[in-house]
């Protein structure tokens, strides 16, 4: 359950990636930035397992599995995912039809699964914008499992992201998650209104690097913590999940290489 809450905000990330700097007016921030990575990250390898490769602009170009099979990504001229292919599945690929408004903003994405000549819809996503041009809402529908993801974005008077409200539902469950940010874009708090974990509080050191996350139950008692060790860029190299008595429950390490 804790891991599902830790990663639930991965739904916030739109698969919209720009491969090289020749693209004009990128539609969103880089993948490394969206994942909280700082600096010119070249690749990230987690727990001696999968590896994510990025280009110099910070966009994911290859995902390598432990067995050395990999997925590669191609993009349209707006920098949005157009096609994903797998080296180990020659008759399988994911394709996207992307629609933009008159100002070049993404408004609609339909993702398809292409398998042995058969094509079926994976998901459909709709975007709206506020009067300042900021992303206001995003709604994604997954017809196969009746999964619905709806996000509402709130900004302060300087157009800085202030809060995200997420509503996630499927055939059996519903969940409402609120994530709050400071003026630097750091996550301060995540509150889940329909789960055993009620709240996650984020802590940062004097350099602004993530140092700790504390997990609270519905009675507002700490049940677990995550403790981080970061490199000189502020990216974590070691993450330990511990119980309230300090006993290590899980440990993850990752290797990060940077462009010169």
C-alpha atoms as a PDB file:
ATOM      1  CA  UNK A   1       0.000   0.000   0.000  1.00  0.00           C
ATOM      2  CA  UNK A   2       2.789   2.410   0.879  1.00  0.00           C
ATOM      3  CA  UNK A   3       4.553   1.815  -2.417  1.00  0.00           C
ATOM      4  CA  UNK A   4       1.319   2.499  -4.295  1.00  0.00           C
ATOM      5  CA  UNK A   5       0.988   5.860  -2.562  1.00  0.00           C
ATOM      6  CA  UNK A   6       4.663   6.642  -3.139  1.00  0.00           C
ATOM      7  CA  UNK A   7       4.232   6.211  -6.872  1.00  0.00           C
ATOM      8  CA  UNK A   8       0.614   7.258  -7.365  1.00  0.00           C
ATOM      9  CA  UNK A   9       1.653  10.697  -8.604  1.00  0.00           C
ATOM     10  CA  UNK A  10       3.404   9.078 -11.528  1.00  0.00           C
ATOM     11  CA  UNK A  11      -0.014   9.479 -13.115  1.00  0.00           C
ATOM     12  CA  UNK A  12       0.675  13.212 -13.150  1.00  0.00           C
ATOM     13  CA  UNK A  13       3.410  12.796 -15.713  1.00  0.00           C
ATOM     14  CA  UNK A  14       2.219  13.125 -19.309  1.00  0.00           C
ATOM     15  CA  UNK A  15       4.246  10.966 -21.698  1.00  0.00           C
ATOM     16  CA  UNK A  16       5.394  14.001 -23.667  1.00  0.00           C
ATOM     17  CA  UNK A  17       9.083  13.941 -24.367  1.00  0.00           C
ATOM     18  CA  UNK A  18      11.322  16.120 -26.534  1.00  0.00           C
ATOM     19  CA  UNK A  19      14.284  14.238 -28.045  1.00  0.00           C
ATOM     20  CA  UNK A  20      16.679  17.033 -29.070  1.00  0.00           C
ATOM     21  CA  UNK A  21      17.160  20.774 -28.731  1.00  0.00           C
ATOM     22  CA  UNK A  22      16.105  21.370 -32.347  1.00  0.00           C
ATOM     23  CA  UNK A  23      12.482  21.418 -31.188  1.00  0.00           C
ATOM     24  CA  UNK A  24      10.910  24.836 -30.769  1.00  0.00           C
ATOM     25  CA  UNK A  25       8.708  25.874 -27.833  1.00  0.00           C
ATOM     26  CA  UNK A  26       8.751  22.690 -25.741  1.00  0.00           C
ATOM     27  CA  UNK A  27       5.303  21.907 -24.338  1.00  0.00           C
ATOM     28  CA  UNK A  28       6.450  20.973 -20.862  1.00  0.00           C
ATOM     29  CA  UNK A  29       9.453  20.697 -18.616  1.00  0.00           C
ATOM     30  CA  UNK A  30      11.943  17.893 -19.125  1.00  0.00           C
ATOM     31  CA  UNK A  31      11.447  14.353 -17.835  1.00  0.00           C
ATOM     32  CA  UNK A  32      14.373  14.701 -15.474  1.00  0.00           C
ATOM     33  CA  UNK A  33      12.803  17.829 -13.989  1.00  0.00           C
ATOM     34  CA  UNK A  34       9.397  16.175 -13.641  1.00  0.00           C
ATOM     35  CA  UNK A  35      11.052  13.290 -11.791  1.00  0.00           C
ATOM     36  CA  UNK A  36      12.846  15.691  -9.481  1.00  0.00           C
ATOM     37  CA  UNK A  37      16.274  15.056 -11.001  1.00  0.00           C
ATOM     38  CA  UNK A  38      18.715  17.967 -11.014  1.00  0.00           C
ATOM     39  CA  UNK A  39      21.630  18.656 -13.336  1.00  0.00           C
ATOM     40  CA  UNK A  40      22.426  17.245 -16.790  1.00  0.00           C
ATOM     41  CA  UNK A  41      21.508  13.642 -16.063  1.00  0.00           C
ATOM     42  CA  UNK A  42      22.664  11.127 -18.678  1.00  0.00           C
ATOM     43  CA  UNK A  43      21.305   7.954 -17.113  1.00  0.00           C
ATOM     44  CA  UNK A  44      19.819   6.589 -13.910  1.00  0.00           C
ATOM     45  CA  UNK A  45      20.260   2.951 -12.881  1.00  0.00           C
ATOM     46  CA  UNK A  46      18.118   1.730  -9.997  1.00  0.00           C
ATOM     47  CA  UNK A  47      19.191  -1.116  -7.710  1.00  0.00           C
ATOM     48  CA  UNK A  48      21.410  -2.653 -10.398  1.00  0.00           C
ATOM     49  CA  UNK A  49      18.214  -3.277 -12.355  1.00  0.00           C
ATOM     50  CA  UNK A  50      16.541  -1.068 -14.958  1.00  0.00           C
ATOM     51  CA  UNK A  51      18.265   1.932 -16.536  1.00  0.00           C
ATOM     52  CA  UNK A  52      16.734   5.129 -17.911  1.00  0.00           C
ATOM     53  CA  UNK A  53      18.738   7.013 -20.533  1.00  0.00           C
ATOM     54  CA  UNK A  54      18.178  10.724 -21.209  1.00  0.00           C
ATOM     55  CA  UNK A  55      19.408  13.127 -23.864  1.00  0.00           C
ATOM     56  CA  UNK A  56      21.126  16.438 -23.081  1.00  0.00           C
ATOM     57  CA  UNK A  57      17.779  18.236 -22.868  1.00  0.00           C
ATOM     58  CA  UNK A  58      16.622  15.898 -20.106  1.00  0.00           C
ATOM     59  CA  UNK A  59      14.146  13.766 -22.052  1.00  0.00           C
ATOM     60  CA  UNK A  60      13.880   9.994 -21.790  1.00  0.00           C
ATOM     61  CA  UNK A  61      15.099   8.237 -24.945  1.00  0.00           C
ATOM     62  CA  UNK A  62      15.593   4.633 -23.820  1.00  0.00           C
ATOM     63  CA  UNK A  63      14.429   2.346 -21.019  1.00  0.00           C
ATOM     64  CA  UNK A  64      16.724  -0.677 -20.518  1.00  0.00           C
ATOM     65  CA  UNK A  65      15.535  -3.773 -18.645  1.00  0.00           C
ATOM     66  CA  UNK A  66      17.784  -5.975 -16.453  1.00  0.00           C
ATOM     67  CA  UNK A  67      17.991  -8.543 -19.272  1.00  0.00           C
ATOM     68  CA  UNK A  68      19.307  -5.771 -21.582  1.00  0.00           C
ATOM     69  CA  UNK A  69      16.122  -5.624 -23.651  1.00  0.00           C
ATOM     70  CA  UNK A  70      14.969  -2.065 -24.106  1.00  0.00           C
ATOM     71  CA  UNK A  71      12.199   0.292 -25.206  1.00  0.00           C
ATOM     72  CA  UNK A  72      12.854   3.319 -27.436  1.00  0.00           C
ATOM     73  CA  UNK A  73      10.760   6.434 -28.014  1.00  0.00           C
ATOM     74  CA  UNK A  74      10.000   8.665 -31.007  1.00  0.00           C
ATOM     75  CA  UNK A  75       8.283  12.051 -30.880  1.00  0.00           C
ATOM     76  CA  UNK A  76       6.353  14.543 -32.977  1.00  0.00           C
ATOM     77  CA  UNK A  77       7.541  18.072 -33.772  1.00  0.00           C
ATOM     78  CA  UNK A  78       5.823  19.426 -30.668  1.00  0.00           C
ATOM     79  CA  UNK A  79       7.869  17.034 -28.544  1.00  0.00           C
ATOM     80  CA  UNK A  80       5.053  14.645 -27.648  1.00  0.00           C
ATOM     81  CA  UNK A  81       5.334  10.872 -27.675  1.00  0.00           C
ATOM     82  CA  UNK A  82       4.493   9.518 -31.100  1.00  0.00           C
ATOM     83  CA  UNK A  83       5.744   5.938 -30.943  1.00  0.00           C
ATOM     84  CA  UNK A  84       7.284   3.512 -28.473  1.00  0.00           C
ATOM     85  CA  UNK A  85       8.906   0.319 -29.731  1.00  0.00           C
ATOM     86  CA  UNK A  86      10.446  -2.627 -27.882  1.00  0.00           C
ATOM     87  CA  UNK A  87      13.577  -4.413 -29.061  1.00  0.00           C
ATOM     88  CA  UNK A  88      12.290  -7.733 -27.698  1.00  0.00           C
ATOM     89  CA  UNK A  89       8.713  -7.430 -29.070  1.00  0.00           C
ATOM     90  CA  UNK A  90       9.082  -6.842 -32.791  1.00  0.00           C
ATOM     91  CA  UNK A  91       5.344  -6.950 -33.543  1.00  0.00           C
ATOM     92  CA  UNK A  92       4.373  -4.666 -30.669  1.00  0.00           C
ATOM     93  CA  UNK A  93       4.410  -0.888 -30.370  1.00  0.00           C
ATOM     94  CA  UNK A  94       2.518   1.983 -28.784  1.00  0.00           C
ATOM     95  CA  UNK A  95       1.479   4.921 -30.946  1.00  0.00           C
ATOM     96  CA  UNK A  96      -0.164   8.248 -30.095  1.00  0.00           C
ATOM     97  CA  UNK A  97      -2.393  10.644 -32.024  1.00  0.00           C
ATOM     98  CA  UNK A  98      -1.794  14.143 -30.633  1.00  0.00           C
ATOM     99  CA  UNK A  99      -4.044  17.186 -31.196  1.00  0.00           C
ATOM    100  CA  UNK A 100      -3.031  20.806 -30.528  1.00  0.00           C
ATOM    101  CA  UNK A 101      -4.970  24.081 -30.346  1.00  0.00           C
ATOM    102  CA  UNK A 102      -4.225  27.238 -32.334  1.00  0.00           C
ATOM    103  CA  UNK A 103      -1.597  28.252 -29.771  1.00  0.00           C
ATOM    104  CA  UNK A 104       0.294  24.977 -30.102  1.00  0.00           C
ATOM    105  CA  UNK A 105      -0.873  23.565 -26.764  1.00  0.00           C
ATOM    106  CA  UNK A 106      -1.721  19.900 -26.422  1.00  0.00           C
ATOM    107  CA  UNK A 107      -5.469  19.364 -25.966  1.00  0.00           C
ATOM    108  CA  UNK A 108      -6.045  15.696 -26.790  1.00  0.00           C
ATOM    109  CA  UNK A 109      -3.987  12.485 -26.873  1.00  0.00           C
ATOM    110  CA  UNK A 110      -5.176   9.040 -27.904  1.00  0.00           C
ATOM    111  CA  UNK A 111      -2.734   6.207 -27.165  1.00  0.00           C
ATOM    112  CA  UNK A 112      -2.979   2.913 -29.046  1.00  0.00           C
ATOM    113  CA  UNK A 113      -1.553  -0.545 -28.538  1.00  0.00           C
ATOM    114  CA  UNK A 114      -0.457  -2.149 -31.794  1.00  0.00           C
ATOM    115  CA  UNK A 115       0.067  -5.894 -31.374  1.00  0.00           C
ATOM    116  CA  UNK A 116       0.504  -8.312 -34.310  1.00  0.00           C
ATOM    117  CA  UNK A 117      -1.491  -6.028 -36.569  1.00  0.00           C
ATOM    118  CA  UNK A 118      -4.319  -5.428 -34.091  1.00  0.00           C
ATOM    119  CA  UNK A 119      -4.829  -1.859 -32.853  1.00  0.00           C
ATOM    120  CA  UNK A 120      -6.729  -0.958 -29.685  1.00  0.00           C
ATOM    121  CA  UNK A 121      -7.090   2.158 -27.541  1.00  0.00           C
ATOM    122  CA  UNK A 122      -5.031   2.202 -24.339  1.00  0.00           C
ATOM    123  CA  UNK A 123      -6.043   5.626 -23.077  1.00  0.00           C
ATOM    124  CA  UNK A 124      -7.499   8.981 -24.048  1.00  0.00           C
ATOM    125  CA  UNK A 125      -6.394  12.236 -22.392  1.00  0.00           C
ATOM    126  CA  UNK A 126      -7.977  15.711 -22.468  1.00  0.00           C
ATOM    127  CA  UNK A 127      -6.292  18.992 -21.393  1.00  0.00           C
ATOM    128  CA  UNK A 128      -7.701  22.432 -20.545  1.00  0.00           C
ATOM    129  CA  UNK A 129      -5.904  25.718 -19.734  1.00  0.00           C
ATOM    130  CA  UNK A 130      -6.636  28.796 -17.622  1.00  0.00           C
ATOM    131  CA  UNK A 131      -6.675  32.432 -18.762  1.00  0.00           C
ATOM    132  CA  UNK A 132      -2.911  32.716 -18.140  1.00  0.00           C
ATOM    133  CA  UNK A 133      -2.175  29.696 -20.311  1.00  0.00           C
ATOM    134  CA  UNK A 134      -1.353  27.386 -17.414  1.00  0.00           C
ATOM    135  CA  UNK A 135      -2.508  23.789 -17.498  1.00  0.00           C
ATOM    136  CA  UNK A 136      -5.809  23.782 -15.579  1.00  0.00           C
ATOM    137  CA  UNK A 137      -7.090  20.215 -15.832  1.00  0.00           C
ATOM    138  CA  UNK A 138      -6.052  16.863 -17.248  1.00  0.00           C
ATOM    139  CA  UNK A 139      -8.365  13.893 -17.576  1.00  0.00           C
ATOM    140  CA  UNK A 140      -7.242  10.426 -18.680  1.00  0.00           C
ATOM    141  CA  UNK A 141      -9.582   7.528 -19.402  1.00  0.00           C
ATOM    142  CA  UNK A 142      -8.475   3.886 -19.677  1.00  0.00           C
ATOM    143  CA  UNK A 143     -11.415   2.028 -21.256  1.00  0.00           C
ATOM    144  CA  UNK A 144     -10.139  -1.504 -20.719  1.00  0.00           C
ATOM    145  CA  UNK A 145     -10.175  -1.354 -16.910  1.00  0.00           C
ATOM    146  CA  UNK A 146     -12.538   1.621 -16.445  1.00  0.00           C
ATOM    147  CA  UNK A 147      -9.752   3.635 -14.849  1.00  0.00           C
ATOM    148  CA  UNK A 148     -10.275   7.407 -14.695  1.00  0.00           C
ATOM    149  CA  UNK A 149      -7.641   9.958 -13.650  1.00  0.00           C
ATOM    150  CA  UNK A 150      -8.643  13.588 -13.195  1.00  0.00           C
ATOM    151  CA  UNK A 151      -6.193  16.316 -12.136  1.00  0.00           C
ATOM    152  CA  UNK A 152      -6.837  19.949 -11.300  1.00  0.00           C
ATOM    153  CA  UNK A 153      -3.855  22.348 -11.098  1.00  0.00           C
ATOM    154  CA  UNK A 154      -3.800  25.504  -8.960  1.00  0.00           C
ATOM    155  CA  UNK A 155      -1.263  28.343  -9.218  1.00  0.00           C
ATOM    156  CA  UNK A 156      -0.337  31.337  -7.054  1.00  0.00           C
ATOM    157  CA  UNK A 157      -0.440  34.969  -8.197  1.00  0.00           C
ATOM    158  CA  UNK A 158       2.962  34.537  -9.868  1.00  0.00           C
ATOM    159  CA  UNK A 159       1.781  31.506 -11.876  1.00  0.00           C
ATOM    160  CA  UNK A 160       3.829  29.104  -9.760  1.00  0.00           C
ATOM    161  CA  UNK A 161       2.373  25.651  -9.181  1.00  0.00           C
ATOM    162  CA  UNK A 162       0.763  25.701  -5.759  1.00  0.00           C
ATOM    163  CA  UNK A 163      -1.453  22.633  -5.530  1.00  0.00           C
ATOM    164  CA  UNK A 164      -2.572  19.576  -7.491  1.00  0.00           C
ATOM    165  CA  UNK A 165      -5.815  17.758  -6.773  1.00  0.00           C
ATOM    166  CA  UNK A 166      -6.027  14.214  -8.144  1.00  0.00           C
ATOM    167  CA  UNK A 167      -9.152  12.078  -8.359  1.00  0.00           C
ATOM    168  CA  UNK A 168      -8.478   8.437  -9.281  1.00  0.00           C
ATOM    169  CA  UNK A 169     -11.205   5.837  -9.731  1.00  0.00           C
ATOM    170  CA  UNK A 170     -11.722   2.392 -11.242  1.00  0.00           C
ATOM    171  CA  UNK A 171     -14.415  -0.259 -11.030  1.00  0.00           C
ATOM    172  CA  UNK A 172     -13.896  -0.850  -7.312  1.00  0.00           C
ATOM    173  CA  UNK A 173     -12.129   2.070  -5.643  1.00  0.00           C
ATOM    174  CA  UNK A 174     -11.884   5.834  -5.512  1.00  0.00           C
ATOM    175  CA  UNK A 175      -9.084   8.001  -4.145  1.00  0.00           C
ATOM    176  CA  UNK A 176      -8.596  11.741  -3.792  1.00  0.00           C
ATOM    177  CA  UNK A 177      -5.017  13.021  -3.383  1.00  0.00           C
ATOM    178  CA  UNK A 178      -3.879  16.608  -2.782  1.00  0.00           C
ATOM    179  CA  UNK A 179      -0.241  17.634  -3.266  1.00  0.00           C
ATOM    180  CA  UNK A 180       1.037  21.051  -2.133  1.00  0.00           C
ATOM    181  CA  UNK A 181       4.214  22.858  -3.240  1.00  0.00           C
ATOM    182  CA  UNK A 182       6.436  25.685  -2.032  1.00  0.00           C
ATOM    183  CA  UNK A 183       7.561  28.628  -4.191  1.00  0.00           C
ATOM    184  CA  UNK A 184      10.622  26.674  -5.347  1.00  0.00           C
ATOM    185  CA  UNK A 185       8.502  23.832  -6.700  1.00  0.00           C
ATOM    186  CA  UNK A 186       9.353  21.416  -3.877  1.00  0.00           C
ATOM    187  CA  UNK A 187       6.581  19.113  -2.668  1.00  0.00           C
ATOM    188  CA  UNK A 188       5.646  20.019   0.891  1.00  0.00           C
ATOM    189  CA  UNK A 189       2.756  17.716   1.656  1.00  0.00           C
ATOM    190  CA  UNK A 190       0.694  14.961   0.099  1.00  0.00           C
ATOM    191  CA  UNK A 191      -2.691  14.096   1.591  1.00  0.00           C
ATOM    192  CA  UNK A 192      -4.680  11.016   0.607  1.00  0.00           C
ATOM    193  CA  UNK A 193      -8.304  11.216   1.698  1.00  0.00           C
ATOM    194  CA  UNK A 194      -9.240   7.581   1.060  1.00  0.00           C
ATOM    195  CA  UNK A 195      -6.479   5.275   2.233  1.00  0.00           C
ATOM    196  CA  UNK A 196      -4.629   3.944   5.255  1.00  0.00           C
ATOM    197  CA  UNK A 197      -1.877   6.520   4.709  1.00  0.00           C
ATOM    198  CA  UNK A 198      -3.430   9.891   5.359  1.00  0.00           C
ATOM    199  CA  UNK A 199      -0.491  12.228   4.856  1.00  0.00           C
ATOM    200  CA  UNK A 200       3.140  12.430   3.708  1.00  0.00           C
ATOM    201  CA  UNK A 201       5.327  15.342   4.835  1.00  0.00           C
ATOM    202  CA  UNK A 202       8.532  16.191   2.924  1.00  0.00           C
ATOM    203  CA  UNK A 203      11.693  17.629   4.510  1.00  0.00           C
ATOM    204  CA  UNK A 204      14.693  19.308   2.845  1.00  0.00           C
ATOM    205  CA  UNK A 205      18.184  20.187   4.065  1.00  0.00           C
ATOM    206  CA  UNK A 206      19.846  23.630   4.023  1.00  0.00           C
ATOM    207  CA  UNK A 207      20.793  23.151   0.350  1.00  0.00           C
ATOM    208  CA  UNK A 208      17.223  22.361  -0.626  1.00  0.00           C
ATOM    209  CA  UNK A 209      17.947  18.641  -1.124  1.00  0.00           C
ATOM    210  CA  UNK A 210      15.345  16.081  -0.087  1.00  0.00           C
ATOM    211  CA  UNK A 211      16.309  14.550   3.262  1.00  0.00           C
ATOM    212  CA  UNK A 212      13.258  12.789   4.665  1.00  0.00           C
ATOM    213  CA  UNK A 213       9.630  11.859   4.089  1.00  0.00           C
ATOM    214  CA  UNK A 214       7.311  11.010   6.970  1.00  0.00           C
ATOM    215  CA  UNK A 215       4.167   8.904   6.559  1.00  0.00           C
ATOM    216  CA  UNK A 216       1.170   9.461   8.828  1.00  0.00           C
ATOM    217  CA  UNK A 217      -1.870   7.255   9.367  1.00  0.00           C
ATOM    218  CA  UNK A 218      -5.490   8.368   9.706  1.00  0.00           C
ATOM    219  CA  UNK A 219      -4.868   9.118  13.386  1.00  0.00           C
ATOM    220  CA  UNK A 220      -2.039  11.502  12.445  1.00  0.00           C
ATOM    221  CA  UNK A 221       0.611   9.196  13.922  1.00  0.00           C
ATOM    222  CA  UNK A 222       3.931   8.543  12.135  1.00  0.00           C
ATOM    223  CA  UNK A 223       4.046   4.980  10.840  1.00  0.00           C
ATOM    224  CA  UNK A 224       7.086   5.042   8.558  1.00  0.00           C
ATOM    225  CA  UNK A 225       9.856   7.278   7.223  1.00  0.00           C
ATOM    226  CA  UNK A 226      12.035   7.468   4.160  1.00  0.00           C
ATOM    227  CA  UNK A 227      15.582   8.767   4.636  1.00  0.00           C
ATOM    228  CA  UNK A 228      17.658   9.974   1.692  1.00  0.00           C
ATOM    229  CA  UNK A 229      21.361  10.370   0.916  1.00  0.00           C
ATOM    230  CA  UNK A 230      21.988  12.723  -2.007  1.00  0.00           C
ATOM    231  CA  UNK A 231      24.885  13.526  -4.331  1.00  0.00           C
ATOM    232  CA  UNK A 232      26.319  16.996  -4.948  1.00  0.00           C
ATOM    233  CA  UNK A 233      23.528  17.775  -7.429  1.00  0.00           C
ATOM    234  CA  UNK A 234      20.810  17.022  -4.898  1.00  0.00           C
ATOM    235  CA  UNK A 235      19.700  13.719  -6.450  1.00  0.00           C
ATOM    236  CA  UNK A 236      19.275  10.833  -4.049  1.00  0.00           C
ATOM    237  CA  UNK A 237      21.677   7.900  -4.331  1.00  0.00           C
ATOM    238  CA  UNK A 238      20.291   5.928  -1.402  1.00  0.00           C
ATOM    239  CA  UNK A 239      16.760   5.728  -0.030  1.00  0.00           C
ATOM    240  CA  UNK A 240      15.875   3.772   3.112  1.00  0.00           C
ATOM    241  CA  UNK A 241      12.377   3.029   4.314  1.00  0.00           C
ATOM    242  CA  UNK A 242      12.318   2.600   8.099  1.00  0.00           C
ATOM    243  CA  UNK A 243       9.635   1.988  10.691  1.00  0.00           C
ATOM    244  CA  UNK A 244       8.933   4.294  13.601  1.00  0.00           C
ATOM    245  CA  UNK A 245      11.649   2.544  15.640  1.00  0.00           C
ATOM    246  CA  UNK A 246      14.319   3.055  12.992  1.00  0.00           C
ATOM    247  CA  UNK A 247      14.349  -0.523  11.712  1.00  0.00           C
ATOM    248  CA  UNK A 248      15.170  -0.689   7.990  1.00  0.00           C
ATOM    249  CA  UNK A 249      12.264  -2.148   6.009  1.00  0.00           C
ATOM    250  CA  UNK A 250      13.585  -1.543   2.510  1.00  0.00           C
ATOM    251  CA  UNK A 251      16.645  -0.021   0.881  1.00  0.00           C
ATOM    252  CA  UNK A 252      17.113   1.277  -2.654  1.00  0.00           C
ATOM    253  CA  UNK A 253      20.250   2.590  -4.306  1.00  0.00           C
ATOM    254  CA  UNK A 254      20.771   4.146  -7.678  1.00  0.00           C
ATOM    255  CA  UNK A 255      23.671   5.160  -9.871  1.00  0.00           C
ATOM    256  CA  UNK A 256      23.541   8.450 -11.760  1.00  0.00           C
ATOM    257  CA  UNK A 257      25.832   9.647 -14.540  1.00  0.00           C
ATOM    258  CA  UNK A 258      25.867  13.215 -15.851  1.00  0.00           C
ATOM    259  CA  UNK A 259      26.755  14.840 -19.145  1.00  0.00           C
ATOM    260  CA  UNK A 260      29.961  16.887 -19.044  1.00  0.00           C
END
